Amino acid sequence: MSLSAEARNAKIHVLLAGFIKEAKGMKSIEYSTPFTKEEVEKLFISPIWGHREITLTILLARLLDPKFKASEDFYHCNPRAVYEGPIRSLLVKNGIPHKKSGPLNVAKNSQKIDEVWAHNKRGDGMALVVANLVNKIESVPPAKLQAFALAYVQRYLLEAKKVAKLRFKISPTEDPIFLYKLCSDLITNVPDGGAIPQMIVGMLLEDFHGGHGSKTEVSGHLDSVSTTNTTSKKAGDVMEKFEDSSQRIYEITVKAFTADRMMESYEAIKAFDKENKITEVFVICRKGDIPEDTQKQPSNSYLLATVEYQDLLYYFVDIFEWIEEKLLFMTMASRGKFYAYLGSYVNQVSTSEKVKRYFREWHRQHPSSGK
């Protein structure tokens, strides 16, 4: 695009805002040939939101610049700036579920969004749906593209209506047994790709320290789980920074902690810890997630295993026992604060629908005692 970044972003904002305003006044969604309801629905039922978001970004960029072709040079439209600026701001404003960097997460630095890109990606065929839509976006006349953009934005607004209906108001409680059961069931049944356990562990640490007057800083737990520690320059999924400036690193997982994951963790820590002050890492996981051929502890142990990896020592800790211990030894006020945040997190527009539905149903089956 020949426009300045500021002018480009302003035009994208006006373009999308116009579609949203018009779409809100319409009752039915109509897709005109060659676009179909079936292919759009595939994007919106997929748990990987980046595919719908990269399509929206490409669609708006093409409307702004009729010569733009994502099949030839996706990054020519400056997708990060376009999506994370005007597009995401309007998604937030209108309560539309979205991810922070969805288009970039699925593009994976591929210059061309086409069938070759799609076939090189693992997944459920969503990338191929995107590639097919890109072909259509680049082949139809402007009037057809405008009509499709309006229908596509209408479909986005349906997601906003859906999540608004799933908001749930919790009844305050400080009961550690109730809260432990809730956390355990969320992690077991709707881990949401690891976002739920990462958020729970991080918030428990934050509220545990806060309740005891500690100035320890906790970070990382609210970052997207799709962001790798190496690229984000994080040493781990969650980090504690103590008053003496020393740091503790946590990896949070509900998947097998493989040799590749160990290597990635080590590389991220070394890239972060230039002075080699970090000597140990705590992996909060389930019993079945520890690496094979490790020095396992007794089956009833809080500490599941230890692994020496080069110059780092990894401690594998049972996630459920860790959560139970933290809840029991938090102040009552901190438990209440943690529960309030958990409810707030679930109600956020970008928390997945399956988590929202599970949260509501779980509370229906487990009424709070209000302790």
Protein backbone atom coordinates (compact mmCIF):
# COMPACT_ATOMS: atom_id res chain seq x y z
CA MET A 1 0.00 0.00 0.00
CA SER A 2 1.29 3.50 -0.88
CA LEU A 3 -0.62 5.16 1.96
CA SER A 4 1.08 6.17 5.17
CA ALA A 5 0.48 3.83 8.09
CA GLU A 6 -1.73 6.40 9.79
CA ALA A 7 -3.85 6.98 6.69
CA ARG A 8 -4.09 3.27 5.95
CA ASN A 9 -5.24 2.44 9.47
CA ALA A 10 -7.78 5.27 9.40
CA LYS A 11 -9.27 4.00 6.13
CA ILE A 12 -9.44 0.41 7.43
CA HIS A 13 -11.18 1.70 10.57
CA VAL A 14 -13.76 3.65 8.55
CA LEU A 15 -14.31 0.69 6.22
CA LEU A 16 -14.90 -1.87 9.00
CA ALA A 17 -16.91 0.54 11.16
CA GLY A 18 -19.21 1.14 8.20
CA PHE A 19 -19.78 -2.57 7.67
CA ILE A 20 -20.49 -3.07 11.40
CA LYS A 21 -22.99 -0.21 11.49
CA GLU A 22 -24.83 -1.52 8.41
CA ALA A 23 -24.71 -5.14 9.56
CA LYS A 24 -26.30 -4.28 12.92
CA GLY A 25 -29.43 -3.13 11.10
CA MET A 26 -29.83 -6.32 9.10
CA LYS A 27 -31.74 -9.44 10.13
CA SER A 28 -30.51 -12.15 7.77
CA ILE A 29 -27.15 -13.05 6.26
CA GLU A 30 -27.02 -13.61 2.53
CA TYR A 31 -23.97 -14.95 0.73
CA SER A 32 -23.79 -14.42 -3.02
CA THR A 33 -21.98 -16.72 -5.45
CA PRO A 34 -19.17 -17.79 -5.32
CA PHE A 35 -19.14 -17.42 -1.51
CA THR A 36 -21.11 -19.91 0.57
CA LYS A 37 -22.48 -20.14 4.08
CA GLU A 38 -20.91 -23.58 4.52
CA GLU A 39 -17.31 -22.39 4.08
CA VAL A 40 -17.78 -19.38 6.35
CA GLU A 41 -19.39 -21.52 9.06
CA LYS A 42 -16.36 -23.82 9.03
CA LEU A 43 -14.21 -20.87 10.08
CA PHE A 44 -16.56 -19.85 12.87
CA ILE A 45 -16.96 -23.29 14.41
CA SER A 46 -13.20 -23.87 14.42
CA PRO A 47 -11.43 -23.44 17.79
CA ILE A 48 -8.57 -21.77 15.91
CA TRP A 49 -9.89 -18.22 15.52
CA GLY A 50 -6.87 -17.06 13.55
CA HIS A 51 -8.33 -18.49 10.34
CA ARG A 52 -11.42 -16.28 10.51
CA GLU A 53 -9.23 -13.33 11.51
CA ILE A 54 -6.73 -13.71 8.68
CA THR A 55 -9.69 -13.86 6.26
CA LEU A 56 -11.12 -10.63 7.69
CA THR A 57 -7.73 -8.91 7.42
CA ILE A 58 -7.22 -10.03 3.82
CA LEU A 59 -10.77 -9.05 2.89
CA LEU A 60 -10.44 -5.50 4.22
CA ALA A 61 -6.97 -5.07 2.74
CA ARG A 62 -8.27 -6.12 -0.67
CA LEU A 63 -11.18 -3.67 -0.44
CA LEU A 64 -8.74 -0.90 0.42
CA ASP A 65 -6.27 -1.86 -2.30
CA PRO A 66 -7.79 -3.77 -5.28
CA LYS A 67 -4.27 -4.74 -6.41
CA PHE A 68 -3.43 -6.48 -3.13
CA LYS A 69 -3.09 -10.25 -3.43
CA ALA A 70 -2.55 -12.30 -0.28
CA SER A 71 -1.85 -15.30 -2.52
CA GLU A 72 1.28 -13.52 -3.74
CA ASP A 73 2.43 -11.29 -0.87
CA PHE A 74 0.35 -11.42 2.31
CA TYR A 75 2.72 -9.16 4.26
CA HIS A 76 2.38 -6.38 1.70
CA CYS A 77 -0.75 -5.23 3.57
CA ASN A 78 1.16 -4.96 6.89
CA PRO A 79 -1.19 -7.47 8.57
CA ARG A 80 0.12 -7.04 12.12
CA ALA A 81 -0.42 -3.29 12.16
CA VAL A 82 -3.74 -3.55 10.33
CA TYR A 83 -5.18 -6.30 12.53
CA GLU A 84 -3.75 -5.25 15.91
CA GLY A 85 -4.67 -1.62 15.26
CA PRO A 86 -7.97 -0.64 13.59
CA ILE A 87 -9.46 -4.11 13.21
CA ARG A 88 -8.93 -5.32 16.76
CA SER A 89 -9.98 -2.00 18.29
CA LEU A 90 -13.38 -2.32 16.59
CA LEU A 91 -13.72 -5.98 17.57
CA VAL A 92 -13.11 -4.96 21.19
CA LYS A 93 -15.52 -2.01 20.98
CA ASN A 94 -18.32 -4.23 19.64
CA GLY A 95 -17.79 -7.14 22.05
CA ILE A 96 -16.66 -9.50 19.28
CA PRO A 97 -14.51 -12.51 20.34
CA HIS A 98 -10.99 -12.35 18.93
CA LYS A 99 -7.37 -13.20 19.58
CA LYS A 100 -4.49 -10.78 20.00
CA SER A 101 -2.48 -11.75 16.91
CA GLY A 102 -4.66 -14.36 15.21
CA PRO A 103 -3.67 -13.70 11.56
CA LEU A 104 0.05 -13.81 12.34
CA ASN A 105 -0.31 -16.97 14.42
CA VAL A 106 -1.81 -18.92 11.51
CA ALA A 107 0.24 -17.30 8.74
CA LYS A 108 3.45 -18.49 10.41
CA ASN A 109 5.58 -16.09 8.34
CA SER A 110 4.33 -17.52 5.04
CA GLN A 111 4.55 -14.94 2.29
CA LYS A 112 1.79 -16.52 0.22
CA ILE A 113 -1.61 -17.52 1.62
CA ASP A 114 -2.46 -20.18 -0.94
CA GLU A 115 -2.97 -23.92 -1.37
CA VAL A 116 0.73 -24.64 -0.82
CA TRP A 117 0.60 -22.79 2.52
CA ALA A 118 -2.57 -24.66 3.44
CA HIS A 119 -1.18 -28.10 2.64
CA ASN A 120 1.96 -27.40 4.65
CA LYS A 121 -0.06 -26.67 7.78
CA ARG A 122 -1.22 -29.28 10.22
CA GLY A 123 -4.84 -29.05 11.32
CA ASP A 124 -8.40 -29.74 10.38
CA GLY A 125 -8.50 -28.29 6.88
CA MET A 126 -9.28 -24.73 7.96
CA ALA A 127 -6.20 -23.39 6.17
CA LEU A 128 -7.50 -24.84 2.90
CA VAL A 129 -10.86 -23.09 3.49
CA VAL A 130 -8.94 -19.82 3.90
CA ALA A 131 -6.92 -20.45 0.73
CA ASN A 132 -10.11 -21.12 -1.24
CA LEU A 133 -11.70 -17.93 0.11
CA VAL A 134 -8.59 -15.95 -0.83
CA ASN A 135 -8.91 -17.23 -4.41
CA LYS A 136 -12.52 -16.00 -4.50
CA ILE A 137 -11.69 -12.66 -2.85
CA GLU A 138 -9.08 -12.03 -5.54
CA SER A 139 -11.35 -13.05 -8.43
CA VAL A 140 -14.67 -11.27 -7.80
CA PRO A 141 -15.52 -7.68 -8.79
CA PRO A 142 -15.66 -4.92 -6.13
CA ALA A 143 -19.47 -5.03 -5.76
CA LYS A 144 -19.40 -8.78 -4.99
CA LEU A 145 -16.54 -8.27 -2.55
CA GLN A 146 -18.44 -5.50 -0.75
CA ALA A 147 -21.47 -7.77 -0.41
CA PHE A 148 -19.38 -10.61 0.96
CA ALA A 149 -17.64 -8.29 3.44
CA LEU A 150 -21.00 -7.16 4.78
CA ALA A 151 -22.20 -10.76 5.20
CA TYR A 152 -18.90 -11.76 6.81
CA VAL A 153 -19.14 -8.93 9.34
CA GLN A 154 -22.76 -9.94 10.07
CA ARG A 155 -21.49 -13.41 10.93
CA TYR A 156 -18.92 -11.88 13.27
CA LEU A 157 -21.66 -9.95 15.07
CA LEU A 158 -23.51 -13.20 15.75
CA GLU A 159 -20.53 -14.27 17.84
CA ALA A 160 -20.85 -11.08 19.88
CA LYS A 161 -24.52 -11.80 20.58
CA LYS A 162 -23.73 -15.38 21.51
CA VAL A 163 -21.06 -14.58 24.10
CA ALA A 164 -23.15 -11.76 25.59
CA LYS A 165 -25.85 -14.32 26.45
CA LEU A 166 -23.28 -16.54 28.19
CA ARG A 167 -22.21 -14.00 30.81
CA PHE A 168 -22.41 -15.49 34.30
CA LYS A 169 -22.51 -13.68 37.63
CA ILE A 170 -20.77 -15.55 40.42
CA SER A 171 -21.78 -15.49 44.08
CA PRO A 172 -18.71 -14.48 46.15
CA THR A 173 -17.06 -17.26 48.13
CA GLU A 174 -13.78 -17.91 49.92
CA ASP A 175 -14.30 -21.66 50.30
CA PRO A 176 -11.01 -23.36 49.28
CA ILE A 177 -12.65 -26.76 48.73
CA PHE A 178 -15.24 -25.27 46.37
CA LEU A 179 -12.58 -23.31 44.52
CA TYR A 180 -10.24 -26.29 44.25
CA LYS A 181 -12.99 -28.45 42.75
CA LEU A 182 -13.82 -25.71 40.23
CA CYS A 183 -10.18 -25.24 39.17
CA SER A 184 -9.57 -28.97 38.95
CA ASP A 185 -12.64 -29.57 36.79
CA LEU A 186 -11.89 -26.62 34.49
CA ILE A 187 -8.35 -27.90 33.88
CA THR A 188 -9.52 -31.48 33.37
CA ASN A 189 -12.49 -30.78 31.12
CA VAL A 190 -11.91 -27.43 29.34
CA PRO A 191 -8.19 -26.57 29.45
CA ASP A 192 -8.71 -24.42 26.33
CA GLY A 193 -5.37 -25.29 24.79
CA GLY A 194 -3.55 -24.61 28.06
CA ALA A 195 -4.96 -21.11 28.62
CA ILE A 196 -7.01 -22.15 31.67
CA PRO A 197 -4.23 -23.83 33.71
CA GLN A 198 -1.77 -21.04 32.83
CA MET A 199 -4.21 -18.37 33.98
CA ILE A 200 -5.18 -20.26 37.16
CA VAL A 201 -1.59 -20.89 38.24
CA GLY A 202 -0.54 -17.32 37.54
CA MET A 203 -3.50 -15.73 39.31
CA LEU A 204 -3.09 -17.99 42.34
CA LEU A 205 0.54 -16.90 42.61
CA GLU A 206 -0.39 -13.23 42.19
CA ASP A 207 -3.16 -13.30 44.78
CA PHE A 208 -1.16 -15.50 47.17
CA HIS A 209 1.67 -12.96 47.25
CA GLY A 210 -0.69 -9.99 47.37
CA GLY A 211 -2.60 -11.42 50.31
CA HIS A 212 0.59 -11.81 52.32
CA GLY A 213 1.88 -8.33 51.62
CA SER A 214 4.67 -9.51 49.34
CA LYS A 215 6.00 -7.24 46.59
CA THR A 216 6.76 -10.23 44.36
CA GLU A 217 5.80 -9.54 40.75
CA VAL A 218 4.04 -12.26 38.75
CA SER A 219 3.95 -12.07 34.95
CA GLY A 220 3.26 -14.08 31.81
CA HIS A 221 0.07 -15.83 32.86
CA LEU A 222 -2.25 -13.55 30.91
CA ASP A 223 -0.27 -13.84 27.67
CA SER A 224 -1.66 -15.92 24.83
CA VAL A 225 -0.65 -19.59 25.05
CA SER A 226 -0.05 -19.52 21.29
CA THR A 227 2.86 -17.13 21.86
CA THR A 228 6.11 -19.04 22.26
CA ASN A 229 8.43 -18.05 25.06
CA THR A 230 11.38 -17.63 22.68
CA THR A 231 9.67 -15.21 20.30
CA SER A 232 8.11 -13.21 23.14
CA LYS A 233 11.43 -13.14 25.05
CA LYS A 234 9.83 -14.82 28.06
CA ALA A 235 11.77 -17.26 30.19
CA GLY A 236 8.67 -19.33 30.96
CA ASP A 237 4.88 -19.44 30.93
CA VAL A 238 4.76 -17.71 34.32
CA MET A 239 7.53 -15.86 36.15
CA GLU A 240 7.98 -14.61 39.70
CA LYS A 241 10.32 -11.70 40.35
CA PHE A 242 11.19 -11.36 44.02
CA GLU A 243 12.18 -8.24 45.94
CA ASP A 244 15.88 -9.16 45.67
CA SER A 245 15.46 -9.28 41.85
CA SER A 246 15.89 -13.06 41.71
CA GLN A 247 13.38 -14.91 39.55
CA ARG A 248 11.53 -18.22 39.53
CA ILE A 249 10.39 -19.80 36.30
CA TYR A 250 7.25 -21.90 35.82
CA GLU A 251 6.20 -23.97 32.83
CA ILE A 252 2.50 -24.88 32.87
CA THR A 253 1.24 -27.79 30.79
CA VAL A 254 -1.57 -30.31 30.43
CA LYS A 255 0.24 -32.03 27.57
CA ALA A 256 3.25 -34.33 27.61
CA PHE A 257 6.41 -32.39 28.43
CA THR A 258 8.41 -33.82 25.55
CA ALA A 259 12.10 -33.57 24.74
CA ASP A 260 11.27 -30.81 22.24
CA ARG A 261 9.37 -28.86 24.90
CA MET A 262 12.33 -29.25 27.26
CA MET A 263 14.72 -27.96 24.62
CA GLU A 264 12.45 -24.98 23.79
CA SER A 265 12.16 -24.15 27.48
CA TYR A 266 15.92 -24.30 27.94
CA GLU A 267 16.57 -22.09 24.90
CA ALA A 268 14.01 -19.51 26.05
CA ILE A 269 15.56 -19.33 29.51
CA LYS A 270 19.08 -18.96 28.16
CA ALA A 271 17.97 -16.22 25.76
CA PHE A 272 16.40 -14.40 28.70
CA ASP A 273 18.96 -15.14 31.44
CA LYS A 274 22.15 -13.61 30.06
CA GLU A 275 23.96 -13.83 33.41
CA ASN A 276 23.05 -17.51 34.02
CA LYS A 277 21.44 -16.80 37.39
CA ILE A 278 18.49 -19.16 36.83
CA THR A 279 19.33 -22.71 37.88
CA GLU A 280 15.92 -24.35 38.35
CA VAL A 281 12.52 -24.52 36.66
CA PHE A 282 9.18 -25.66 38.08
CA VAL A 283 6.92 -27.55 35.67
CA ILE A 284 3.33 -27.58 36.95
CA CYS A 285 1.62 -30.53 35.26
CA ARG A 286 -0.39 -33.72 35.63
CA LYS A 287 1.19 -37.04 36.56
CA GLY A 288 0.91 -38.32 33.00
CA ASP A 289 2.72 -35.32 31.51
CA ILE A 290 6.19 -35.91 32.95
CA PRO A 291 8.92 -37.00 30.51
CA GLU A 292 9.61 -40.67 30.03
CA ASP A 293 12.70 -42.20 31.63
CA THR A 294 12.89 -39.60 34.38
CA GLN A 295 13.75 -39.87 38.04
CA LYS A 296 10.19 -40.37 39.29
CA GLN A 297 9.23 -39.78 42.91
CA PRO A 298 6.84 -42.01 44.94
CA SER A 299 3.35 -42.13 43.39
CA ASN A 300 1.78 -40.13 46.22
CA SER A 301 4.40 -37.40 46.11
CA TYR A 302 3.68 -33.70 45.52
CA LEU A 303 6.93 -33.68 43.54
CA LEU A 304 6.43 -35.99 40.56
CA ALA A 305 9.92 -36.08 39.09
CA THR A 306 13.21 -34.23 38.67
CA VAL A 307 15.20 -33.87 35.47
CA GLU A 308 18.67 -32.43 34.96
CA TYR A 309 18.87 -30.78 31.54
CA GLN A 310 22.33 -29.43 30.85
CA ASP A 311 22.86 -26.82 33.60
CA LEU A 312 19.19 -26.53 34.66
CA LEU A 313 17.23 -28.63 37.13
CA TYR A 314 13.55 -29.18 36.29
CA TYR A 315 11.13 -30.01 39.12
CA PHE A 316 7.83 -31.55 37.98
CA VAL A 317 5.02 -30.75 40.42
CA ASP A 318 1.47 -32.17 40.47
CA ILE A 319 -0.77 -29.34 39.26
CA PHE A 320 -3.78 -30.42 41.30
CA GLU A 321 -1.88 -30.73 44.58
CA TRP A 322 -0.11 -27.44 43.88
CA ILE A 323 -3.45 -25.64 43.39
CA GLU A 324 -4.95 -27.24 46.52
CA GLU A 325 -1.97 -26.18 48.63
CA LYS A 326 -2.02 -22.62 47.32
CA LEU A 327 -5.75 -22.21 47.98
CA LEU A 328 -5.50 -23.59 51.49
CA PHE A 329 -2.68 -21.27 52.52
CA MET A 330 -4.00 -18.10 50.87
CA THR A 331 -5.75 -15.50 52.97
CA MET A 332 -9.53 -15.64 52.77
CA ALA A 333 -9.58 -12.25 51.05
CA SER A 334 -7.13 -13.50 48.44
CA ARG A 335 -9.33 -16.51 47.71
CA GLY A 336 -12.28 -14.23 47.13
CA LYS A 337 -10.20 -11.99 44.87
CA PHE A 338 -8.99 -14.99 42.88
CA TYR A 339 -12.54 -16.28 42.38
CA ALA A 340 -13.74 -12.84 41.27
CA TYR A 341 -10.99 -12.67 38.68
CA LEU A 342 -11.72 -16.21 37.49
CA GLY A 343 -15.33 -15.23 36.88
CA SER A 344 -14.21 -12.06 35.12
CA TYR A 345 -11.82 -14.04 32.91
CA VAL A 346 -14.53 -16.48 31.84
CA ASN A 347 -16.83 -13.56 31.00
CA GLN A 348 -14.27 -11.88 28.76
CA VAL A 349 -15.50 -11.85 25.16
CA SER A 350 -12.44 -13.71 23.89
CA THR A 351 -12.63 -16.61 26.34
CA SER A 352 -13.83 -19.60 24.35
CA GLU A 353 -17.50 -20.48 24.24
CA LYS A 354 -16.90 -24.01 25.51
CA VAL A 355 -15.31 -22.60 28.70
CA LYS A 356 -18.23 -20.21 29.23
CA ARG A 357 -20.82 -22.97 28.79
CA TYR A 358 -18.94 -25.36 31.07
CA PHE A 359 -18.53 -22.68 33.75
CA ARG A 360 -22.27 -21.96 33.78
CA GLU A 361 -23.25 -25.63 33.87
CA TRP A 362 -20.68 -26.45 36.57
CA HIS A 363 -22.11 -23.77 38.86
CA ARG A 364 -25.63 -25.04 38.22
CA GLN A 365 -24.51 -28.45 39.48
CA HIS A 366 -22.30 -27.11 42.30
CA PRO A 367 -24.04 -24.23 44.11
CA SER A 368 -21.64 -22.15 46.18
CA SER A 369 -21.99 -22.29 49.95
CA GLY A 370 -20.89 -18.65 50.05
CA LYS A 371 -18.22 -19.30 52.68
